[in-house]
Amino acid sequence: MHMRIITASFAVMALLASTAQAATLNVDQNNLKFSPNTLTVKAGDTVSYLNNDDVTHNINVIDAEGDPDDKGLQKPKQTITAKFDKPGEYQVRCAIHPKMKMTVTVQ
C-alpha cells in the first residue's frame, strides 16, 4: 500500500511538472498584420491572438501536412487561442485578409 501511494505521488508530480512547462504566448493583430510574424514555441504551448484591428478576422492554423484548423470569426478586441501540441512548422493565416500571415515553429 505504501508503495502505491509513493508511485501515485510521483505520477501526480510528473503531470504537474509537464503542465507547468507549457506557456501562453501573445500575438497582436494590428494594421492587418500579425506581430510578431514569426514565433518559436515548445510543444504544448498556447498562442493567444488578440484582434486589435477594427475589422473581423478569421484565424486558420495550417499544420505541416497542410491540414487547416479554422478558429472561426474573431471580432475586434476578441482573443482566439491555438494550442500547438506537435513539433513542426505551422502557417497561420487570416481567411478574410490573405496578406495576414505568420509562421509558428513548434519545437
PDB file of N, CA and C in Angstrom:
ATOM      1  N   MET A   1       0.830  -1.199   0.000  1.00  0.00           N
ATOM      2  CA  MET A   1       0.000   0.000   0.000  1.00  0.00           C
ATOM      3  C   MET A   1       0.870   1.257   0.000  1.00  0.00           C
ATOM      4  N   HIS A   2       1.921   1.243   0.823  1.00  0.00           N
ATOM      5  CA  HIS A   2       2.813   2.392   0.919  1.00  0.00           C
ATOM      6  C   HIS A   2       3.469   2.677  -0.442  1.00  0.00           C
ATOM      7  N   MET A   3       3.857   1.623  -1.161  1.00  0.00           N
ATOM      8  CA  MET A   3       4.491   1.774  -2.469  1.00  0.00           C
ATOM      9  C   MET A   3       3.519   2.384  -3.484  1.00  0.00           C
ATOM     10  N   ARG A   4       2.231   2.042  -3.428  1.00  0.00           N
ATOM     11  CA  ARG A   4       1.231   2.604  -4.345  1.00  0.00           C
ATOM     12  C   ARG A   4       1.086   4.100  -4.131  1.00  0.00           C
ATOM     13  N   ILE A   5       1.114   4.524  -2.885  1.00  0.00           N
ATOM     14  CA  ILE A   5       0.992   5.956  -2.577  1.00  0.00           C
ATOM     15  C   ILE A   5       2.182   6.717  -3.136  1.00  0.00           C
ATOM     16  N   ILE A   6       3.375   6.163  -2.967  1.00  0.00           N
ATOM     17  CA  ILE A   6       4.583   6.815  -3.484  1.00  0.00           C
ATOM     18  C   ILE A   6       4.526   6.882  -5.005  1.00  0.00           C
ATOM     19  N   THR A   7       4.140   5.795  -5.653  1.00  0.00           N
ATOM     20  CA  THR A   7       4.041   5.764  -7.110  1.00  0.00           C
ATOM     21  C   THR A   7       3.012   6.764  -7.603  1.00  0.00           C
ATOM     22  N   ALA A   8       1.868   6.832  -6.957  1.00  0.00           N
ATOM     23  CA  ALA A   8       0.829   7.784  -7.345  1.00  0.00           C
ATOM     24  C   ALA A   8       1.323   9.217  -7.147  1.00  0.00           C
ATOM     25  N   SER A   9       2.061   9.462  -6.081  1.00  0.00           N
ATOM     26  CA  SER A   9       2.594  10.803  -5.824  1.00  0.00           C
ATOM     27  C   SER A   9       3.554  11.224  -6.925  1.00  0.00           C
ATOM     28  N   PHE A  10       4.431  10.308  -7.350  1.00  0.00           N
ATOM     29  CA  PHE A  10       5.360  10.625  -8.427  1.00  0.00           C
ATOM     30  C   PHE A  10       4.621  10.885  -9.730  1.00  0.00           C
ATOM     31  N   ALA A  11       3.576  10.140 -10.003  1.00  0.00           N
ATOM     32  CA  ALA A  11       2.794  10.337 -11.224  1.00  0.00           C
ATOM     33  C   ALA A  11       2.143  11.718 -11.226  1.00  0.00           C
ATOM     34  N   VAL A  12       1.592  12.131 -10.103  1.00  0.00           N
ATOM     35  CA  VAL A  12       0.967  13.450  -9.993  1.00  0.00           C
ATOM     36  C   VAL A  12       2.015  14.543 -10.161  1.00  0.00           C
ATOM     37  N   MET A  13       3.185  14.362  -9.534  1.00  0.00           N
ATOM     38  CA  MET A  13       4.253  15.356  -9.649  1.00  0.00           C
ATOM     39  C   MET A  13       4.729  15.477 -11.090  1.00  0.00           C
ATOM     40  N   ALA A  14       4.846  14.361 -11.801  1.00  0.00           N
ATOM     41  CA  ALA A  14       5.276  14.393 -13.198  1.00  0.00           C
ATOM     42  C   ALA A  14       4.248  15.111 -14.061  1.00  0.00           C
ATOM     43  N   LEU A  15       2.977  14.848 -13.810  1.00  0.00           N
ATOM     44  CA  LEU A  15       1.920  15.514 -14.562  1.00  0.00           C
ATOM     45  C   LEU A  15       1.942  17.024 -14.314  1.00  0.00           C
ATOM     46  N   LEU A  16       2.094  17.420 -13.083  1.00  0.00           N
ATOM     47  CA  LEU A  16       2.146  18.842 -12.756  1.00  0.00           C
ATOM     48  C   LEU A  16       3.368  19.502 -13.374  1.00  0.00           C
ATOM     49  N   ALA A  17       4.492  18.820 -13.379  1.00  0.00           N
ATOM     50  CA  ALA A  17       5.708  19.380 -13.958  1.00  0.00           C
ATOM     51  C   ALA A  17       5.545  19.586 -15.455  1.00  0.00           C
ATOM     52  N   SER A  18       4.943  18.635 -16.151  1.00  0.00           N
ATOM     53  CA  SER A  18       4.762  18.785 -17.596  1.00  0.00           C
ATOM     54  C   SER A  18       3.766  19.886 -17.904  1.00  0.00           C
ATOM     55  N   THR A  19       2.736  20.035 -17.093  1.00  0.00           N
ATOM     56  CA  THR A  19       1.750  21.093 -17.283  1.00  0.00           C
ATOM     57  C   THR A  19       2.359  22.454 -16.991  1.00  0.00           C
ATOM     58  N   ALA A  20       3.204  22.536 -15.987  1.00  0.00           N
ATOM     59  CA  ALA A  20       3.801  23.804 -15.595  1.00  0.00           C
ATOM     60  C   ALA A  20       4.732  24.342 -16.671  1.00  0.00           C
ATOM     61  N   GLN A  21       5.282  23.480 -17.503  1.00  0.00           N
ATOM     62  CA  GLN A  21       6.212  23.913 -18.534  1.00  0.00           C
ATOM     63  C   GLN A  21       5.509  24.586 -19.710  1.00  0.00           C
ATOM     64  N   ALA A  22       4.249  24.298 -19.911  1.00  0.00           N
ATOM     65  CA  ALA A  22       3.529  24.910 -21.029  1.00  0.00           C
ATOM     66  C   ALA A  22       3.365  26.400 -20.780  1.00  0.00           C
ATOM     67  N   ALA A  23       3.465  27.161 -21.855  1.00  0.00           N
ATOM     68  CA  ALA A  23       3.372  28.616 -21.745  1.00  0.00           C
ATOM     69  C   ALA A  23       2.293  29.131 -22.685  1.00  0.00           C
ATOM     70  N   THR A  24       1.852  30.354 -22.421  1.00  0.00           N
ATOM     71  CA  THR A  24       0.953  31.059 -23.324  1.00  0.00           C
ATOM     72  C   THR A  24       1.699  32.271 -23.846  1.00  0.00           C
ATOM     73  N   LEU A  25       1.788  32.360 -25.168  1.00  0.00           N
ATOM     74  CA  LEU A  25       2.464  33.483 -25.808  1.00  0.00           C
ATOM     75  C   LEU A  25       1.422  34.323 -26.522  1.00  0.00           C
ATOM     76  N   ASN A  26       1.671  35.622 -26.606  1.00  0.00           N
ATOM     77  CA  ASN A  26       0.699  36.546 -27.176  1.00  0.00           C
ATOM     78  C   ASN A  26       1.143  37.056 -28.544  1.00  0.00           C
ATOM     79  N   VAL A  27       0.188  37.096 -29.456  1.00  0.00           N
ATOM     80  CA  VAL A  27       0.404  37.667 -30.783  1.00  0.00           C
ATOM     81  C   VAL A  27      -0.666  38.737 -30.981  1.00  0.00           C
ATOM     82  N   ASP A  28      -0.220  39.899 -31.409  1.00  0.00           N
ATOM     83  CA  ASP A  28      -1.118  41.021 -31.649  1.00  0.00           C
ATOM     84  C   ASP A  28      -1.506  41.045 -33.121  1.00  0.00           C
ATOM     85  N   GLN A  29      -2.728  41.450 -33.400  1.00  0.00           N
ATOM     86  CA  GLN A  29      -3.174  41.696 -34.773  1.00  0.00           C
ATOM     87  C   GLN A  29      -3.522  43.176 -34.858  1.00  0.00           C
ATOM     88  N   ASN A  30      -2.731  43.889 -35.652  1.00  0.00           N
ATOM     89  CA  ASN A  30      -2.910  45.325 -35.757  1.00  0.00           C
ATOM     90  C   ASN A  30      -2.488  45.759 -37.163  1.00  0.00           C
ATOM     91  N   ASN A  31      -3.241  46.665 -37.767  1.00  0.00           N
ATOM     92  CA  ASN A  31      -2.958  47.136 -39.126  1.00  0.00           C
ATOM     93  C   ASN A  31      -2.897  45.981 -40.122  1.00  0.00           C
ATOM     94  N   LEU A  32      -3.773  44.984 -39.914  1.00  0.00           N
ATOM     95  CA  LEU A  32      -3.875  43.807 -40.782  1.00  0.00           C
ATOM     96  C   LEU A  32      -2.567  43.025 -40.862  1.00  0.00           C
ATOM     97  N   LYS A  33      -1.865  42.941 -39.713  1.00  0.00           N
ATOM     98  CA  LYS A  33      -0.615  42.179 -39.616  1.00  0.00           C
ATOM     99  C   LYS A  33      -0.573  41.462 -38.276  1.00  0.00           C
ATOM    100  N   PHE A  34       0.103  40.316 -38.273  1.00  0.00           N
ATOM    101  CA  PHE A  34       0.421  39.633 -37.023  1.00  0.00           C
ATOM    102  C   PHE A  34       1.732  40.201 -36.499  1.00  0.00           C
ATOM    103  N   SER A  35       1.804  40.407 -35.198  1.00  0.00           N
ATOM    104  CA  SER A  35       3.036  40.883 -34.598  1.00  0.00           C
ATOM    105  C   SER A  35       3.296  40.103 -33.310  1.00  0.00           C
ATOM    106  N   PRO A  36       4.351  39.296 -33.294  1.00  0.00           N
ATOM    107  CA  PRO A  36       5.337  39.106 -34.342  1.00  0.00           C
ATOM    108  C   PRO A  36       4.787  38.247 -35.478  1.00  0.00           C
ATOM    109  N   ASN A  37       5.511  38.241 -36.619  1.00  0.00           N
ATOM    110  CA  ASN A  37       5.043  37.414 -37.730  1.00  0.00           C
ATOM    111  C   ASN A  37       5.747  36.060 -37.791  1.00  0.00           C
ATOM    112  N   THR A  38       6.702  35.835 -36.900  1.00  0.00           N
ATOM    113  CA  THR A  38       7.300  34.517 -36.704  1.00  0.00           C
ATOM    114  C   THR A  38       7.420  34.287 -35.202  1.00  0.00           C
ATOM    115  N   LEU A  39       7.236  33.043 -34.808  1.00  0.00           N
ATOM    116  CA  LEU A  39       7.246  32.711 -33.390  1.00  0.00           C
ATOM    117  C   LEU A  39       7.738  31.275 -33.236  1.00  0.00           C
ATOM    118  N   THR A  40       8.573  31.036 -32.236  1.00  0.00           N
ATOM    119  CA  THR A  40       9.021  29.689 -31.913  1.00  0.00           C
ATOM    120  C   THR A  40       8.494  29.345 -30.527  1.00  0.00           C
ATOM    121  N   VAL A  41       7.814  28.206 -30.432  1.00  0.00           N
ATOM    122  CA  VAL A  41       7.215  27.773 -29.172  1.00  0.00           C
ATOM    123  C   VAL A  41       7.605  26.325 -28.909  1.00  0.00           C
ATOM    124  N   LYS A  42       7.335  25.869 -27.705  1.00  0.00           N
ATOM    125  CA  LYS A  42       7.551  24.475 -27.347  1.00  0.00           C
ATOM    126  C   LYS A  42       6.247  23.709 -27.516  1.00  0.00           C
ATOM    127  N   ALA A  43       6.366  22.414 -27.810  1.00  0.00           N
ATOM    128  CA  ALA A  43       5.176  21.572 -27.918  1.00  0.00           C
ATOM    129  C   ALA A  43       4.379  21.677 -26.631  1.00  0.00           C
ATOM    130  N   GLY A  44       3.078  21.906 -26.758  1.00  0.00           N
ATOM    131  CA  GLY A  44       2.200  22.075 -25.607  1.00  0.00           C
ATOM    132  C   GLY A  44       1.880  23.517 -25.295  1.00  0.00           C
ATOM    133  N   ASP A  45       2.617  24.447 -25.895  1.00  0.00           N
ATOM    134  CA  ASP A  45       2.357  25.870 -25.654  1.00  0.00           C
ATOM    135  C   ASP A  45       1.090  26.316 -26.370  1.00  0.00           C
ATOM    136  N   THR A  46       0.535  27.409 -25.875  1.00  0.00           N
ATOM    137  CA  THR A  46      -0.656  28.019 -26.451  1.00  0.00           C
ATOM    138  C   THR A  46      -0.302  29.420 -26.924  1.00  0.00           C
ATOM    139  N   VAL A  47      -0.865  29.801 -28.062  1.00  0.00           N
ATOM    140  CA  VAL A  47      -0.683  31.154 -28.578  1.00  0.00           C
ATOM    141  C   VAL A  47      -2.037  31.852 -28.546  1.00  0.00           C
ATOM    142  N   SER A  48      -2.067  33.044 -27.963  1.00  0.00           N
ATOM    143  CA  SER A  48      -3.273  33.872 -27.912  1.00  0.00           C
ATOM    144  C   SER A  48      -3.154  34.968 -28.954  1.00  0.00           C
ATOM    145  N   TYR A  49      -4.163  35.046 -29.813  1.00  0.00           N
ATOM    146  CA  TYR A  49      -4.218  36.056 -30.868  1.00  0.00           C
ATOM    147  C   TYR A  49      -5.250  37.108 -30.473  1.00  0.00           C
ATOM    148  N   LEU A  50      -4.788  38.357 -30.249  1.00  0.00           N
ATOM    149  CA  LEU A  50      -5.676  39.450 -29.869  1.00  0.00           C
ATOM    150  C   LEU A  50      -5.920  40.343 -31.073  1.00  0.00           C
ATOM    151  N   ASN A  51      -7.183  40.511 -31.430  1.00  0.00           N
ATOM    152  CA  ASN A  51      -7.562  41.343 -32.560  1.00  0.00           C
ATOM    153  C   ASN A  51      -7.642  42.799 -32.113  1.00  0.00           C
ATOM    154  N   ASN A  52      -6.601  43.564 -32.408  1.00  0.00           N
ATOM    155  CA  ASN A  52      -6.579  44.996 -32.112  1.00  0.00           C
ATOM    156  C   ASN A  52      -6.953  45.830 -33.326  1.00  0.00           C
ATOM    157  N   ASP A  53      -7.399  45.179 -34.394  1.00  0.00           N
ATOM    158  CA  ASP A  53      -7.900  45.898 -35.563  1.00  0.00           C
ATOM    159  C   ASP A  53      -9.361  46.263 -35.329  1.00  0.00           C
ATOM    160  N   ASP A  54      -9.905  47.086 -36.208  1.00  0.00           N
ATOM    161  CA  ASP A  54     -11.327  47.445 -36.101  1.00  0.00           C
ATOM    162  C   ASP A  54     -12.172  46.650 -37.099  1.00  0.00           C
ATOM    163  N   VAL A  55     -11.617  45.544 -37.589  1.00  0.00           N
ATOM    164  CA  VAL A  55     -12.318  44.657 -38.522  1.00  0.00           C
ATOM    165  C   VAL A  55     -12.271  43.225 -37.983  1.00  0.00           C
ATOM    166  N   THR A  56     -13.162  42.383 -38.494  1.00  0.00           N
ATOM    167  CA  THR A  56     -13.209  40.977 -38.113  1.00  0.00           C
ATOM    168  C   THR A  56     -12.138  40.195 -38.864  1.00  0.00           C
ATOM    169  N   HIS A  57     -11.524  39.242 -38.173  1.00  0.00           N
ATOM    170  CA  HIS A  57     -10.549  38.327 -38.777  1.00  0.00           C
ATOM    171  C   HIS A  57     -11.101  36.910 -38.700  1.00  0.00           C
ATOM    172  N   ASN A  58     -10.428  35.985 -39.393  1.00  0.00           N
ATOM    173  CA  ASN A  58     -10.763  34.564 -39.333  1.00  0.00           C
ATOM    174  C   ASN A  58      -9.448  33.791 -39.331  1.00  0.00           C
ATOM    175  N   ILE A  59      -9.040  33.322 -38.160  1.00  0.00           N
ATOM    176  CA  ILE A  59      -7.748  32.676 -37.981  1.00  0.00           C
ATOM    177  C   ILE A  59      -7.806  31.215 -38.430  1.00  0.00           C
ATOM    178  N   ASN A  60      -6.848  30.847 -39.283  1.00  0.00           N
ATOM    179  CA  ASN A  60      -6.664  29.468 -39.708  1.00  0.00           C
ATOM    180  C   ASN A  60      -5.236  29.063 -39.389  1.00  0.00           C
ATOM    181  N   VAL A  61      -5.085  27.920 -38.698  1.00  0.00           N
ATOM    182  CA  VAL A  61      -3.776  27.371 -38.378  1.00  0.00           C
ATOM    183  C   VAL A  61      -3.589  26.146 -39.268  1.00  0.00           C
ATOM    184  N   ILE A  62      -2.554  26.176 -40.102  1.00  0.00           N
ATOM    185  CA  ILE A  62      -2.318  25.112 -41.073  1.00  0.00           C
ATOM    186  C   ILE A  62      -1.076  24.344 -40.654  1.00  0.00           C
ATOM    187  N   ASP A  63      -1.236  23.022 -40.422  1.00  0.00           N
ATOM    188  CA  ASP A  63      -0.109  22.215 -39.955  1.00  0.00           C
ATOM    189  C   ASP A  63       0.818  21.835 -41.113  1.00  0.00           C
ATOM    190  N   ALA A  64       1.899  21.100 -40.796  1.00  0.00           N
ATOM    191  CA  ALA A  64       2.917  20.735 -41.785  1.00  0.00           C
ATOM    192  C   ALA A  64       2.349  19.893 -42.928  1.00  0.00           C
ATOM    193  N   GLU A  65       1.271  19.162 -42.676  1.00  0.00           N
ATOM    194  CA  GLU A  65       0.652  18.341 -43.715  1.00  0.00           C
ATOM    195  C   GLU A  65      -0.326  19.152 -44.574  1.00  0.00           C
ATOM    196  N   GLY A  66      -0.535  20.408 -44.227  1.00  0.00           N
ATOM    197  CA  GLY A  66      -1.447  21.262 -44.985  1.00  0.00           C
ATOM    198  C   GLY A  66      -2.877  21.231 -44.495  1.00  0.00           C
ATOM    199  N   ASP A  67      -3.108  20.583 -43.347  1.00  0.00           N
ATOM    200  CA  ASP A  67      -4.458  20.499 -42.797  1.00  0.00           C
ATOM    201  C   ASP A  67      -4.786  21.763 -42.000  1.00  0.00           C
ATOM    202  N   PRO A  68      -5.870  22.458 -42.371  1.00  0.00           N
ATOM    203  CA  PRO A  68      -6.221  23.689 -41.656  1.00  0.00           C
ATOM    204  C   PRO A  68      -7.077  23.424 -40.412  1.00  0.00           C
ATOM    205  N   ASP A  69      -6.899  24.269 -39.430  1.00  0.00           N
ATOM    206  CA  ASP A  69      -7.741  24.286 -38.233  1.00  0.00           C
ATOM    207  C   ASP A  69      -8.348  25.681 -38.172  1.00  0.00           C
ATOM    208  N   ASP A  70      -9.606  25.801 -38.606  1.00  0.00           N
ATOM    209  CA  ASP A  70     -10.291  27.089 -38.652  1.00  0.00           C
ATOM    210  C   ASP A  70     -10.744  27.466 -37.248  1.00  0.00           C
ATOM    211  N   LYS A  71     -10.208  28.551 -36.723  1.00  0.00           N
ATOM    212  CA  LYS A  71     -10.546  29.012 -35.371  1.00  0.00           C
ATOM    213  C   LYS A  71     -11.797  29.890 -35.357  1.00  0.00           C
ATOM    214  N   GLY A  72     -12.343  30.194 -36.542  1.00  0.00           N
ATOM    215  CA  GLY A  72     -13.591  30.941 -36.613  1.00  0.00           C
ATOM    216  C   GLY A  72     -13.397  32.440 -36.688  1.00  0.00           C
ATOM    217  N   LEU A  73     -14.526  33.125 -36.753  1.00  0.00           N
ATOM    218  CA  LEU A  73     -14.512  34.580 -36.844  1.00  0.00           C
ATOM    219  C   LEU A  73     -14.069  35.190 -35.522  1.00  0.00           C
ATOM    220  N   GLN A  74     -13.311  36.259 -35.634  1.00  0.00           N
ATOM    221  CA  GLN A  74     -12.771  36.954 -34.466  1.00  0.00           C
ATOM    222  C   GLN A  74     -13.064  38.445 -34.606  1.00  0.00           C
ATOM    223  N   LYS A  75     -14.000  38.905 -33.822  1.00  0.00           N
ATOM    224  CA  LYS A  75     -14.375  40.318 -33.854  1.00  0.00           C
ATOM    225  C   LYS A  75     -13.297  41.171 -33.188  1.00  0.00           C
ATOM    226  N   PRO A  76     -13.308  42.478 -33.444  1.00  0.00           N
ATOM    227  CA  PRO A  76     -12.346  43.362 -32.793  1.00  0.00           C
ATOM    228  C   PRO A  76     -12.368  43.211 -31.265  1.00  0.00           C
ATOM    229  N   LYS A  77     -11.182  43.237 -30.701  1.00  0.00           N
ATOM    230  CA  LYS A  77     -10.917  43.133 -29.252  1.00  0.00           C
ATOM    231  C   LYS A  77     -11.116  41.718 -28.699  1.00  0.00           C
ATOM    232  N   GLN A  78     -11.469  40.752 -29.553  1.00  0.00           N
ATOM    233  CA  GLN A  78     -11.581  39.362 -29.097  1.00  0.00           C
ATOM    234  C   GLN A  78     -10.224  38.674 -29.179  1.00  0.00           C
ATOM    235  N   THR A  79     -10.074  37.651 -28.340  1.00  0.00           N
ATOM    236  CA  THR A  79      -8.879  36.819 -28.349  1.00  0.00           C
ATOM    237  C   THR A  79      -9.267  35.401 -28.744  1.00  0.00           C
ATOM    238  N   ILE A  80      -8.471  34.821 -29.625  1.00  0.00           N
ATOM    239  CA  ILE A  80      -8.620  33.417 -30.004  1.00  0.00           C
ATOM    240  C   ILE A  80      -7.315  32.723 -29.647  1.00  0.00           C
ATOM    241  N   THR A  81      -7.419  31.515 -29.125  1.00  0.00           N
ATOM    242  CA  THR A  81      -6.213  30.781 -28.754  1.00  0.00           C
ATOM    243  C   THR A  81      -6.058  29.534 -29.620  1.00  0.00           C
ATOM    244  N   ALA A  82      -4.809  29.143 -29.779  1.00  0.00           N
ATOM    245  CA  ALA A  82      -4.480  27.912 -30.503  1.00  0.00           C
ATOM    246  C   ALA A  82      -3.387  27.202 -29.717  1.00  0.00           C
ATOM    247  N   LYS A  83      -3.602  25.923 -29.451  1.00  0.00           N
ATOM    248  CA  LYS A  83      -2.603  25.127 -28.739  1.00  0.00           C
ATOM    249  C   LYS A  83      -1.802  24.343 -29.763  1.00  0.00           C
ATOM    250  N   PHE A  84      -0.493  24.339 -29.611  1.00  0.00           N
ATOM    251  CA  PHE A  84       0.416  23.678 -30.529  1.00  0.00           C
ATOM    252  C   PHE A  84       1.054  22.486 -29.816  1.00  0.00           C
ATOM    253  N   ASP A  85       0.517  21.297 -30.072  1.00  0.00           N
ATOM    254  CA  ASP A  85       0.971  20.094 -29.380  1.00  0.00           C
ATOM    255  C   ASP A  85       2.102  19.354 -30.081  1.00  0.00           C
ATOM    256  N   LYS A  86       2.116  19.390 -31.403  1.00  0.00           N
ATOM    257  CA  LYS A  86       3.080  18.602 -32.171  1.00  0.00           C
ATOM    258  C   LYS A  86       4.178  19.481 -32.754  1.00  0.00           C
ATOM    259  N   PRO A  87       5.432  19.016 -32.668  1.00  0.00           N
ATOM    260  CA  PRO A  87       6.525  19.769 -33.304  1.00  0.00           C
ATOM    261  C   PRO A  87       6.304  19.888 -34.809  1.00  0.00           C
ATOM    262  N   GLY A  88       6.804  20.970 -35.365  1.00  0.00           N
ATOM    263  CA  GLY A  88       6.699  21.213 -36.802  1.00  0.00           C
ATOM    264  C   GLY A  88       6.523  22.686 -37.079  1.00  0.00           C
ATOM    265  N   GLU A  89       6.322  22.985 -38.355  1.00  0.00           N
ATOM    266  CA  GLU A  89       6.128  24.372 -38.763  1.00  0.00           C
ATOM    267  C   GLU A  89       4.680  24.563 -39.180  1.00  0.00           C
ATOM    268  N   TYR A  90       4.049  25.571 -38.621  1.00  0.00           N
ATOM    269  CA  TYR A  90       2.649  25.882 -38.866  1.00  0.00           C
ATOM    270  C   TYR A  90       2.546  27.241 -39.540  1.00  0.00           C
ATOM    271  N   GLN A  91       1.609  27.349 -40.462  1.00  0.00           N
ATOM    272  CA  GLN A  91       1.304  28.625 -41.097  1.00  0.00           C
ATOM    273  C   GLN A  91      -0.009  29.125 -40.499  1.00  0.00           C
ATOM    274  N   VAL A  92      -0.027  30.374 -40.100  1.00  0.00           N
ATOM    275  CA  VAL A  92      -1.234  30.975 -39.546  1.00  0.00           C
ATOM    276  C   VAL A  92      -1.666  32.066 -40.514  1.00  0.00           C
ATOM    277  N   ARG A  93      -2.928  32.012 -40.897  1.00  0.00           N
ATOM    278  CA  ARG A  93      -3.459  32.924 -41.900  1.00  0.00           C
ATOM    279  C   ARG A  93      -4.798  33.491 -41.451  1.00  0.00           C
ATOM    280  N   CYS A  94      -5.129  34.657 -41.976  1.00  0.00           N
ATOM    281  CA  CYS A  94      -6.482  35.186 -41.848  1.00  0.00           C
ATOM    282  C   CYS A  94      -7.198  34.856 -43.150  1.00  0.00           C
ATOM    283  N   ALA A  95      -8.302  34.126 -43.058  1.00  0.00           N
ATOM    284  CA  ALA A  95      -9.041  33.724 -44.253  1.00  0.00           C
ATOM    285  C   ALA A  95      -9.709  34.913 -44.943  1.00  0.00           C
ATOM    286  N   ILE A  96      -9.885  36.003 -44.224  1.00  0.00           N
ATOM    287  CA  ILE A  96     -10.527  37.197 -44.787  1.00  0.00           C
ATOM    288  C   ILE A  96      -9.494  38.119 -45.434  1.00  0.00           C
ATOM    289  N   HIS A  97      -8.315  38.209 -44.812  1.00  0.00           N
ATOM    290  CA  HIS A  97      -7.266  39.123 -45.274  1.00  0.00           C
ATOM    291  C   HIS A  97      -6.031  38.291 -45.651  1.00  0.00           C
ATOM    292  N   PRO A  98      -5.888  37.880 -46.911  1.00  0.00           N
ATOM    293  CA  PRO A  98      -4.845  36.939 -47.317  1.00  0.00           C
ATOM    294  C   PRO A  98      -3.409  37.423 -47.093  1.00  0.00           C
ATOM    295  N   LYS A  99      -3.194  38.725 -46.943  1.00  0.00           N
ATOM    296  CA  LYS A  99      -1.836  39.217 -46.683  1.00  0.00           C
ATOM    297  C   LYS A  99      -1.425  39.020 -45.217  1.00  0.00           C
ATOM    298  N   MET A 100      -2.395  38.712 -44.370  1.00  0.00           N
ATOM    299  CA  MET A 100      -2.096  38.462 -42.953  1.00  0.00           C
ATOM    300  C   MET A 100      -1.617  37.026 -42.799  1.00  0.00           C
ATOM    301  N   LYS A 101      -0.336  36.872 -42.497  1.00  0.00           N
ATOM    302  CA  LYS A 101       0.208  35.537 -42.329  1.00  0.00           C
ATOM    303  C   LYS A 101       1.398  35.567 -41.383  1.00  0.00           C
ATOM    304  N   MET A 102       1.590  34.428 -40.735  1.00  0.00           N
ATOM    305  CA  MET A 102       2.731  34.282 -39.854  1.00  0.00           C
ATOM    306  C   MET A 102       3.122  32.808 -39.805  1.00  0.00           C
ATOM    307  N   THR A 103       4.314  32.535 -39.281  1.00  0.00           N
ATOM    308  CA  THR A 103       4.812  31.178 -39.126  1.00  0.00           C
ATOM    309  C   THR A 103       5.058  30.905 -37.649  1.00  0.00           C
ATOM    310  N   VAL A 104       4.563  29.740 -37.194  1.00  0.00           N
ATOM    311  CA  VAL A 104       4.829  29.280 -35.830  1.00  0.00           C
ATOM    312  C   VAL A 104       5.625  27.991 -35.943  1.00  0.00           C
ATOM    313  N   THR A 105       6.826  27.991 -35.355  1.00  0.00           N
ATOM    314  CA  THR A 105       7.672  26.810 -35.318  1.00  0.00           C
ATOM    315  C   THR A 105       7.548  26.185 -33.938  1.00  0.00           C
ATOM    316  N   VAL A 106       7.166  24.911 -33.889  1.00  0.00           N
ATOM    317  CA  VAL A 106       6.975  24.206 -32.624  1.00  0.00           C
ATOM    318  C   VAL A 106       8.135  23.230 -32.441  1.00  0.00           C
ATOM    319  N   GLN A 107       8.862  23.377 -31.351  1.00  0.00           N
ATOM    320  CA  GLN A 107       9.995  22.502 -31.058  1.00  0.00           C
ATOM    321  C   GLN A 107       9.599  21.378 -30.137  1.00  0.00           C
TER     322      GLN A 107
END
